[in-house]
N, C-alpha and C. Protein backbone atom coordinates (compact mmCIF):
# COMPACT_ATOMS: atom_id res chain seq x y z
N MET A 1 -4.34 -4.54 -17.41
CA MET A 1 -3.42 -5.83 -17.57
C MET A 1 -2.27 -5.98 -16.98
N GLU A 2 -2.22 -6.81 -16.11
CA GLU A 2 -0.66 -7.15 -15.57
C GLU A 2 -0.17 -8.32 -16.36
N LEU A 3 0.99 -8.67 -15.65
CA LEU A 3 2.07 -9.76 -16.37
C LEU A 3 0.97 -11.09 -16.27
N GLU A 4 0.34 -11.46 -15.32
CA GLU A 4 -0.39 -12.77 -15.49
C GLU A 4 -1.52 -12.91 -16.36
N ASP A 5 -2.02 -11.53 -16.81
CA ASP A 5 -3.12 -11.54 -18.06
C ASP A 5 -2.66 -11.76 -19.23
N ILE A 6 -1.20 -10.91 -19.43
CA ILE A 6 -0.38 -11.16 -20.59
C ILE A 6 -0.18 -12.53 -20.65
N TYR A 7 0.41 -12.96 -20.03
CA TYR A 7 0.69 -14.58 -19.85
C TYR A 7 -0.31 -15.60 -20.34
N LYS A 8 -1.56 -15.27 -19.47
CA LYS A 8 -2.61 -16.17 -19.60
C LYS A 8 -3.23 -16.15 -21.32
N LEU A 9 -2.80 -14.78 -21.78
CA LEU A 9 -3.27 -14.72 -23.43
C LEU A 9 -2.22 -15.41 -24.31
N LEU A 10 -0.96 -15.26 -23.65
CA LEU A 10 -0.17 -15.94 -24.77
C LEU A 10 -0.29 -17.29 -24.49
N HIS A 11 -0.58 -17.80 -23.42
CA HIS A 11 -0.94 -19.38 -23.12
C HIS A 11 -1.82 -19.90 -23.86
N GLN A 12 -2.99 -19.03 -23.93
CA GLN A 12 -4.01 -19.51 -24.89
C GLN A 12 -3.85 -19.43 -26.11
N ALA A 13 -3.16 -18.30 -26.47
CA ALA A 13 -3.05 -18.35 -28.02
C ALA A 13 -1.88 -19.70 -28.34
N ALA A 14 -1.25 -19.97 -27.60
CA ALA A 14 -0.23 -20.93 -28.20
C ALA A 14 -0.59 -22.39 -27.70
N MET A 15 -1.46 -22.60 -26.52
CA MET A 15 -1.86 -23.85 -26.00
C MET A 15 -3.10 -24.38 -26.23
N GLY A 16 -4.00 -23.39 -26.52
CA GLY A 16 -5.42 -23.52 -26.74
C GLY A 16 -6.02 -23.69 -25.39
N PRO A 17 -7.30 -24.43 -25.51
CA PRO A 17 -7.89 -24.27 -24.40
C PRO A 17 -7.98 -25.81 -23.56
N GLU A 18 -7.22 -26.82 -23.93
CA GLU A 18 -7.05 -28.16 -23.50
C GLU A 18 -7.39 -28.12 -22.08
N HIS A 19 -6.49 -27.32 -21.36
CA HIS A 19 -6.29 -27.54 -19.93
C HIS A 19 -7.73 -27.57 -19.12
N ALA A 20 -8.86 -26.55 -19.68
CA ALA A 20 -9.92 -26.40 -19.45
C ALA A 20 -10.97 -27.35 -19.68
N VAL A 21 -10.87 -28.34 -20.29
CA VAL A 21 -11.75 -29.48 -20.78
C VAL A 21 -11.30 -30.87 -20.45
N ALA A 22 -10.92 -31.01 -19.26
CA ALA A 22 -10.43 -32.41 -18.57
C ALA A 22 -11.66 -33.44 -18.80
N ASP A 23 -12.98 -32.76 -18.86
CA ASP A 23 -14.17 -33.45 -18.94
C ASP A 23 -15.28 -32.63 -19.81
N ALA A 24 -15.68 -33.16 -20.80
CA ALA A 24 -16.46 -32.55 -21.88
C ALA A 24 -17.74 -31.88 -21.00
N ALA A 25 -18.40 -32.90 -20.57
CA ALA A 25 -19.58 -32.50 -19.57
C ALA A 25 -19.50 -31.52 -18.58
N VAL A 26 -18.24 -31.77 -17.75
CA VAL A 26 -18.29 -30.73 -16.88
C VAL A 26 -18.07 -29.39 -17.25
N ALA A 27 -17.15 -29.33 -18.59
CA ALA A 27 -16.88 -28.04 -19.19
C ALA A 27 -18.25 -27.32 -19.91
N ARG A 28 -19.04 -28.07 -20.22
CA ARG A 28 -20.33 -27.51 -20.95
C ARG A 28 -21.21 -27.18 -19.81
N GLU A 29 -21.33 -27.74 -18.73
CA GLU A 29 -22.18 -27.43 -17.61
C GLU A 29 -21.54 -26.16 -16.93
N ARG A 30 -20.41 -25.93 -17.01
CA ARG A 30 -19.57 -24.95 -16.26
C ARG A 30 -19.76 -23.46 -17.28
N LEU A 31 -19.86 -23.81 -18.51
CA LEU A 31 -20.04 -22.92 -19.50
C LEU A 31 -21.57 -22.36 -19.19
N ILE A 32 -22.55 -23.22 -19.23
CA ILE A 32 -24.02 -23.10 -18.78
C ILE A 32 -23.99 -22.22 -17.48
N ALA A 33 -23.64 -22.51 -16.20
CA ALA A 33 -23.43 -21.99 -15.20
C ALA A 33 -23.27 -20.35 -15.39
N GLU A 34 -21.87 -20.45 -15.89
CA GLU A 34 -21.36 -18.84 -15.91
C GLU A 34 -22.11 -18.21 -16.71
N ALA A 35 -22.78 -18.51 -17.84
CA ALA A 35 -23.69 -17.92 -18.76
C ALA A 35 -25.14 -17.49 -17.66
N GLN A 36 -25.34 -18.15 -17.16
CA GLN A 36 -26.61 -17.91 -16.40
C GLN A 36 -26.40 -16.97 -15.02
N GLN A 37 -25.30 -16.94 -14.96
CA GLN A 37 -24.76 -15.99 -13.68
C GLN A 37 -24.05 -14.86 -14.15
N LEU A 38 -23.92 -14.61 -15.41
CA LEU A 38 -23.32 -13.23 -16.22
C LEU A 38 -24.01 -11.87 -15.50
N GLY A 39 -23.24 -10.91 -14.79
CA GLY A 39 -23.51 -9.65 -14.43
C GLY A 39 -23.12 -8.69 -15.55
N PRO A 40 -22.85 -7.49 -15.05
CA PRO A 40 -22.68 -6.79 -16.15
C PRO A 40 -21.14 -6.92 -16.36
N GLY A 41 -20.70 -6.14 -17.29
CA GLY A 41 -19.68 -6.10 -17.90
C GLY A 41 -19.19 -5.13 -18.75
N PRO A 42 -17.96 -5.40 -19.23
CA PRO A 42 -17.59 -4.25 -20.26
C PRO A 42 -18.13 -4.58 -21.63
N SER A 43 -17.85 -3.32 -22.64
CA SER A 43 -18.39 -3.79 -24.11
C SER A 43 -17.10 -4.63 -24.76
N ASP A 44 -17.27 -5.67 -24.68
CA ASP A 44 -16.26 -6.56 -25.36
C ASP A 44 -16.75 -6.89 -26.87
N PRO A 45 -15.73 -7.23 -27.58
CA PRO A 45 -16.30 -7.66 -28.86
C PRO A 45 -16.83 -8.98 -28.77
N ARG A 46 -17.80 -9.51 -29.62
CA ARG A 46 -18.30 -10.58 -29.81
C ARG A 46 -17.02 -11.66 -29.85
N VAL A 47 -16.02 -11.55 -30.75
CA VAL A 47 -14.89 -12.30 -30.93
C VAL A 47 -13.63 -11.56 -30.86
N ASP A 48 -12.53 -11.90 -30.15
CA ASP A 48 -11.44 -11.11 -30.05
C ASP A 48 -10.25 -12.11 -30.47
N PRO A 49 -9.77 -11.90 -31.79
CA PRO A 49 -8.60 -13.00 -32.26
C PRO A 49 -7.78 -12.94 -31.54
N ILE A 50 -7.13 -14.11 -31.09
CA ILE A 50 -5.63 -13.96 -30.01
C ILE A 50 -4.62 -14.68 -30.68
N SER A 51 -4.65 -15.43 -31.66
CA SER A 51 -3.53 -16.14 -32.34
C SER A 51 -3.05 -15.31 -33.57
N PRO A 52 -1.65 -15.13 -33.80
CA PRO A 52 -1.10 -14.51 -34.62
C PRO A 52 -1.85 -14.80 -36.28
N ASP A 53 -2.22 -15.84 -36.19
CA ASP A 53 -3.29 -16.28 -37.73
C ASP A 53 -4.77 -16.09 -37.54
N GLY A 54 -4.92 -15.43 -36.19
CA GLY A 54 -6.32 -15.13 -36.30
C GLY A 54 -7.19 -16.37 -35.85
N ARG A 55 -6.80 -17.62 -36.12
CA ARG A 55 -7.48 -18.77 -36.28
C ARG A 55 -8.20 -19.00 -34.79
N LEU A 56 -7.55 -18.50 -33.87
CA LEU A 56 -7.72 -18.66 -32.22
C LEU A 56 -8.58 -17.47 -31.69
N ALA A 57 -9.63 -17.54 -30.91
CA ALA A 57 -10.22 -16.30 -30.40
C ALA A 57 -10.82 -16.37 -29.00
N ARG A 58 -10.90 -15.41 -28.38
CA ARG A 58 -11.84 -15.26 -27.17
C ARG A 58 -13.06 -15.10 -27.52
N VAL A 59 -14.19 -15.88 -27.01
CA VAL A 59 -15.44 -15.50 -27.69
C VAL A 59 -16.10 -15.09 -26.26
N HIS A 60 -16.37 -13.67 -26.34
CA HIS A 60 -17.07 -13.37 -24.98
C HIS A 60 -18.59 -13.46 -25.10
N LEU A 61 -18.67 -14.07 -23.72
CA LEU A 61 -20.14 -14.57 -23.50
C LEU A 61 -21.23 -13.47 -23.64
N ARG A 62 -20.94 -12.15 -22.89
CA ARG A 62 -22.28 -11.28 -23.18
C ARG A 62 -22.59 -10.69 -24.61
N PRO A 63 -21.61 -10.41 -25.15
CA PRO A 63 -21.86 -10.10 -26.57
C PRO A 63 -22.36 -11.25 -27.52
N TYR A 64 -21.67 -12.36 -27.18
CA TYR A 64 -22.13 -13.76 -28.12
C TYR A 64 -23.55 -14.01 -27.83
N LEU A 65 -23.99 -13.77 -26.49
CA LEU A 65 -25.22 -14.62 -26.26
C LEU A 65 -26.17 -13.26 -26.53
N LYS A 66 -26.03 -11.87 -26.19
CA LYS A 66 -26.74 -10.89 -26.81
C LYS A 66 -27.04 -11.15 -28.15
N GLY A 67 -25.81 -11.31 -28.84
CA GLY A 67 -26.24 -11.40 -30.37
C GLY A 67 -26.91 -12.98 -31.00
N GLY A 68 -27.52 -13.34 -30.08
CA GLY A 68 -28.42 -14.72 -30.62
C GLY A 68 -27.52 -15.97 -30.56
N GLY A 69 -26.47 -15.77 -29.91
CA GLY A 69 -25.52 -16.84 -30.01
C GLY A 69 -26.08 -18.16 -29.28
N LYS A 70 -25.95 -19.50 -29.68
CA LYS A 70 -26.69 -20.49 -28.57
C LYS A 70 -25.28 -20.79 -28.04
N ILE A 71 -25.54 -21.29 -26.85
CA ILE A 71 -24.63 -21.76 -25.26
C ILE A 71 -24.03 -23.09 -25.87
N ASP A 72 -25.19 -23.80 -26.67
CA ASP A 72 -24.63 -25.17 -26.85
C ASP A 72 -23.80 -25.19 -28.12
N ASP A 73 -23.90 -24.25 -29.15
CA ASP A 73 -22.81 -24.36 -30.22
C ASP A 73 -21.60 -23.54 -29.84
N LEU A 74 -21.49 -22.74 -28.74
CA LEU A 74 -20.38 -22.16 -28.09
C LEU A 74 -19.63 -23.45 -27.45
N ALA A 75 -20.33 -24.20 -26.66
CA ALA A 75 -19.87 -25.18 -25.80
C ALA A 75 -19.49 -26.30 -26.41
N ALA A 76 -19.99 -26.77 -27.70
CA ALA A 76 -19.25 -27.46 -28.82
C ALA A 76 -17.91 -27.14 -29.33
N ALA A 77 -18.03 -25.74 -29.91
CA ALA A 77 -16.80 -25.16 -30.17
C ALA A 77 -15.71 -25.46 -29.30
N PHE A 78 -15.85 -25.00 -28.22
CA PHE A 78 -15.07 -24.85 -27.13
C PHE A 78 -14.34 -26.38 -26.94
N ILE A 79 -15.22 -27.02 -26.76
CA ILE A 79 -14.91 -28.70 -26.53
C ILE A 79 -14.09 -29.08 -27.87
N ALA A 80 -14.73 -29.06 -29.15
CA ALA A 80 -13.82 -29.36 -30.26
C ALA A 80 -12.56 -28.75 -30.58
N THR A 81 -12.26 -27.66 -30.11
CA THR A 81 -11.28 -26.75 -30.07
C THR A 81 -10.03 -27.53 -29.08
N ALA A 82 -10.56 -27.59 -27.88
CA ALA A 82 -9.57 -28.64 -26.96
C ALA A 82 -8.98 -29.86 -27.42
N LYS A 83 -10.08 -30.34 -27.91
CA LYS A 83 -9.63 -31.79 -28.64
C LYS A 83 -8.67 -31.79 -30.11
N SER A 84 -8.74 -30.83 -30.55
CA SER A 84 -7.98 -30.54 -32.09
C SER A 84 -7.28 -29.43 -31.89
N TYR A 85 -7.12 -28.66 -31.22
CA TYR A 85 -5.91 -27.27 -31.37
C TYR A 85 -4.46 -28.02 -31.03
N PRO A 86 -3.57 -27.87 -31.88
CA PRO A 86 -2.46 -28.14 -31.74
C PRO A 86 -1.54 -27.64 -30.61
N ALA A 87 -1.66 -27.64 -29.47
CA ALA A 87 -0.86 -26.85 -28.49
C ALA A 87 0.63 -26.95 -28.70
N SER A 88 1.17 -25.81 -28.55
CA SER A 88 2.91 -25.88 -28.62
C SER A 88 3.48 -25.02 -27.71
N LEU A 89 4.27 -25.88 -26.94
CA LEU A 89 5.10 -25.40 -25.94
C LEU A 89 6.48 -24.48 -26.43
N ASP A 90 6.77 -24.94 -27.52
CA ASP A 90 7.83 -24.14 -28.39
C ASP A 90 7.10 -22.70 -28.62
N LYS A 91 5.99 -22.93 -29.18
CA LYS A 91 5.45 -21.45 -29.49
C LYS A 91 5.08 -20.33 -28.36
N LEU A 92 4.98 -20.89 -27.28
CA LEU A 92 4.51 -20.22 -26.19
C LEU A 92 5.78 -19.53 -25.64
N THR A 93 6.80 -20.58 -25.67
CA THR A 93 8.41 -19.76 -25.27
C THR A 93 8.77 -18.72 -25.99
N LYS A 94 8.47 -18.85 -27.36
CA LYS A 94 8.85 -17.71 -28.20
C LYS A 94 8.05 -16.67 -27.90
N PHE A 95 6.58 -16.92 -27.60
CA PHE A 95 5.49 -15.85 -27.18
C PHE A 95 6.17 -14.95 -26.46
N CYS A 96 6.43 -15.78 -25.07
CA CYS A 96 7.07 -15.10 -23.71
C CYS A 96 8.47 -14.22 -23.75
N GLY A 97 9.19 -14.80 -24.72
CA GLY A 97 10.52 -14.20 -25.02
C GLY A 97 10.62 -13.01 -25.49
N CYS A 98 9.51 -12.85 -26.65
CA CYS A 98 9.19 -11.56 -27.03
C CYS A 98 8.86 -10.43 -26.38
N LEU A 99 8.04 -10.67 -25.05
CA LEU A 99 7.97 -9.92 -24.18
C LEU A 99 9.18 -9.05 -23.60
N GLY A 100 10.21 -9.93 -23.37
CA GLY A 100 11.24 -9.11 -22.79
C GLY A 100 11.86 -8.18 -23.80
N ASP A 101 11.61 -8.62 -25.20
CA ASP A 101 12.28 -7.71 -26.06
C ASP A 101 11.13 -6.42 -26.27
N LEU A 102 10.22 -6.55 -26.08
CA LEU A 102 9.13 -5.26 -25.95
C LEU A 102 9.36 -4.45 -24.92
N ALA A 103 9.67 -5.28 -23.82
CA ALA A 103 9.98 -4.42 -22.54
C ALA A 103 11.22 -3.63 -22.62
N ALA A 104 12.08 -4.07 -23.37
CA ALA A 104 13.48 -3.37 -23.50
C ALA A 104 13.55 -2.12 -24.53
N THR A 105 12.47 -2.22 -25.39
CA THR A 105 12.35 -1.15 -26.15
C THR A 105 11.10 -0.09 -25.57
N GLY A 106 10.50 -0.44 -24.21
CA GLY A 106 9.58 0.43 -23.76
C GLY A 106 8.07 0.30 -24.36
N ALA A 107 7.93 -0.72 -25.18
CA ALA A 107 6.73 -0.88 -26.03
C ALA A 107 5.48 -1.34 -25.04
N ILE A 108 6.11 -2.03 -23.80
CA ILE A 108 5.18 -2.37 -23.03
C ILE A 108 5.71 -2.10 -21.56
N PRO A 109 4.79 -1.33 -20.40
CA PRO A 109 4.94 -0.81 -19.27
C PRO A 109 5.50 -1.69 -18.23
N PHE A 110 6.31 -2.73 -18.38
CA PHE A 110 6.96 -3.49 -17.45
C PHE A 110 8.55 -3.75 -17.50
N PRO A 111 9.21 -3.38 -16.62
CA PRO A 111 10.50 -3.57 -16.75
C PRO A 111 10.91 -4.72 -17.01
N ARG A 112 12.05 -4.78 -17.96
CA ARG A 112 12.65 -6.43 -18.43
C ARG A 112 12.70 -7.08 -17.16
N GLU A 113 13.38 -6.60 -16.37
CA GLU A 113 13.85 -7.44 -15.27
C GLU A 113 12.62 -8.24 -14.62
N ALA A 114 11.46 -7.58 -14.24
CA ALA A 114 10.41 -7.81 -13.98
C ALA A 114 9.53 -9.17 -14.90
N ILE A 115 9.79 -8.99 -15.98
CA ILE A 115 9.41 -9.90 -17.09
C ILE A 115 10.15 -11.08 -16.99
N ASP A 116 11.68 -10.71 -16.89
CA ASP A 116 12.43 -12.00 -16.72
C ASP A 116 12.39 -12.76 -15.66
N HIS A 117 12.07 -12.24 -14.62
CA HIS A 117 11.83 -12.91 -13.71
C HIS A 117 10.47 -13.57 -13.12
N PHE A 118 9.44 -13.18 -13.83
CA PHE A 118 8.39 -13.78 -13.94
C PHE A 118 8.07 -14.69 -14.66
N PHE A 119 8.71 -14.77 -15.82
CA PHE A 119 8.50 -15.90 -16.92
C PHE A 119 10.11 -17.11 -16.39
N VAL A 120 10.66 -16.75 -15.72
CA VAL A 120 11.72 -17.92 -15.49
C VAL A 120 10.82 -18.84 -14.48
N ASP A 121 9.84 -17.91 -13.48
CA ASP A 121 9.34 -18.79 -12.81
C ASP A 121 8.23 -19.72 -13.44
N LEU A 122 7.71 -19.11 -14.43
CA LEU A 122 6.87 -20.02 -14.97
C LEU A 122 7.37 -21.06 -15.84
N ALA A 123 8.58 -20.81 -16.16
CA ALA A 123 9.42 -21.84 -17.08
C ALA A 123 9.90 -23.10 -16.25
N GLN A 124 10.15 -22.75 -15.09
CA GLN A 124 10.71 -23.84 -14.04
C GLN A 124 9.38 -24.36 -13.64
N ARG A 125 8.25 -24.13 -13.84
CA ARG A 125 6.86 -24.74 -13.35
C ARG A 125 6.31 -25.44 -14.58
N GLY A 126 6.96 -25.15 -15.74
CA GLY A 126 6.61 -26.04 -16.94
C GLY A 126 5.29 -25.30 -17.47
N TYR A 127 5.39 -23.98 -17.71
CA TYR A 127 4.26 -22.93 -18.27
C TYR A 127 2.99 -23.30 -17.90
N PRO A 128 2.61 -23.47 -16.71
CA PRO A 128 1.23 -23.82 -16.58
C PRO A 128 -0.03 -22.93 -16.69
N ALA A 129 -0.87 -23.36 -16.86
CA ALA A 129 -2.06 -22.15 -17.17
C ALA A 129 -2.31 -21.66 -15.64
N ILE A 130 -2.57 -20.49 -15.92
CA ILE A 130 -3.16 -19.70 -14.78
C ILE A 130 -4.34 -18.75 -14.97
N ARG A 131 -5.07 -18.07 -13.88
CA ARG A 131 -5.93 -17.24 -14.12
C ARG A 131 -5.63 -15.94 -13.93
N HIS A 132 -6.79 -15.12 -14.48
CA HIS A 132 -6.45 -13.90 -14.73
C HIS A 132 -5.93 -13.13 -13.35
N SER A 133 -5.29 -11.83 -13.34
CA SER A 133 -5.20 -11.28 -12.00
C SER A 133 -6.35 -10.70 -11.27
N GLU A 134 -6.26 -10.58 -10.07
CA GLU A 134 -7.51 -9.80 -9.38
C GLU A 134 -8.10 -8.99 -9.94
N THR A 135 -6.76 -7.79 -10.29
CA THR A 135 -7.00 -6.47 -10.63
C THR A 135 -7.97 -6.78 -12.23
N TYR A 136 -7.82 -7.30 -13.01
CA TYR A 136 -8.24 -7.86 -14.15
C TYR A 136 -9.60 -8.33 -13.81
N ARG A 137 -9.66 -9.24 -13.31
CA ARG A 137 -11.08 -9.72 -12.88
C ARG A 137 -11.75 -8.97 -12.51
N SER A 138 -11.62 -7.77 -11.29
CA SER A 138 -12.53 -6.91 -10.78
C SER A 138 -12.79 -5.90 -11.55
N LEU A 139 -12.03 -5.21 -12.62
CA LEU A 139 -12.29 -4.28 -13.59
C LEU A 139 -13.02 -4.84 -14.88
N TYR A 140 -12.60 -5.95 -15.34
CA TYR A 140 -13.18 -6.40 -16.49
C TYR A 140 -14.26 -7.64 -16.47
N HIS A 141 -14.40 -8.37 -15.48
CA HIS A 141 -15.41 -9.14 -14.97
C HIS A 141 -15.37 -10.36 -16.30
N PRO A 142 -14.08 -10.78 -16.72
CA PRO A 142 -14.05 -11.58 -17.98
C PRO A 142 -14.83 -12.76 -18.23
N ALA A 143 -15.78 -13.05 -19.17
CA ALA A 143 -16.25 -14.27 -19.23
C ALA A 143 -16.37 -14.52 -20.99
N TYR A 144 -15.41 -15.56 -21.21
CA TYR A 144 -15.31 -15.88 -22.59
C TYR A 144 -14.94 -17.37 -22.79
N ARG A 145 -14.58 -18.17 -24.04
CA ARG A 145 -14.21 -19.05 -24.22
C ARG A 145 -13.16 -19.27 -25.37
N VAL A 146 -12.19 -19.84 -25.30
CA VAL A 146 -11.16 -19.68 -26.17
C VAL A 146 -11.69 -20.71 -27.32
N VAL A 147 -12.02 -20.25 -28.43
CA VAL A 147 -12.30 -21.60 -29.43
C VAL A 147 -11.70 -20.98 -30.99
N ALA A 148 -11.29 -22.18 -31.60
CA ALA A 148 -11.05 -21.95 -33.07
C ALA A 148 -12.29 -21.52 -33.79
N LEU A 149 -12.23 -20.51 -34.53
CA LEU A 149 -13.31 -19.98 -35.00
C LEU A 149 -13.91 -20.95 -36.24
N GLU A 150 -13.00 -21.57 -36.65
CA GLU A 150 -13.73 -22.66 -37.75
C GLU A 150 -14.94 -23.50 -36.98
N HIS A 151 -14.88 -23.83 -35.56
CA HIS A 151 -15.75 -24.54 -35.06
C HIS A 151 -17.01 -23.78 -34.83
N LEU A 152 -17.17 -22.49 -35.08
CA LEU A 152 -18.07 -21.45 -34.72
C LEU A 152 -18.84 -20.96 -36.04
N GLU A 153 -17.93 -21.47 -37.36
CA GLU A 153 -18.56 -20.59 -38.58
C GLU A 153 -20.09 -21.25 -38.83
N ASN A 154 -20.70 -20.65 -39.33
CA ASN A 154 -22.11 -21.04 -39.75
C ASN A 154 -23.18 -21.48 -38.53
N LYS A 155 -22.92 -20.64 -37.55
CA LYS A 155 -23.52 -20.97 -36.17
C LYS A 155 -24.08 -19.58 -35.59
């Protein structure tokens, strides 16, 4: 996991998936296409909570589909989350600030200076959504959707 990947996780936890659903029909079609082209990947959990309250999670496609999850249910939950999740730039700023503190204590393997530089640049650009690092993509082949779990309950 590189700084880009940590930031992506923090961005998703604070902002939800709204940036990925400009058009609900397109988002649904992209999910279907991705599910049809899934190759091998790591043994991910079906649900990986990413927000401090556990309400928001990455739902990993491989175990979700293998366990009988329906793509239409996941698409609906993803779209509903994008429409309803309360994105918070303040929360994202706080999450990012905590990384510098973690680096200063040695709790994460990045020097504080690198984190400060990385996040100053992101702040100047308005904290945009970004892609996973090339290293992360090549090692983990991520395939998931960020959803509020309440939208997947009983499905």
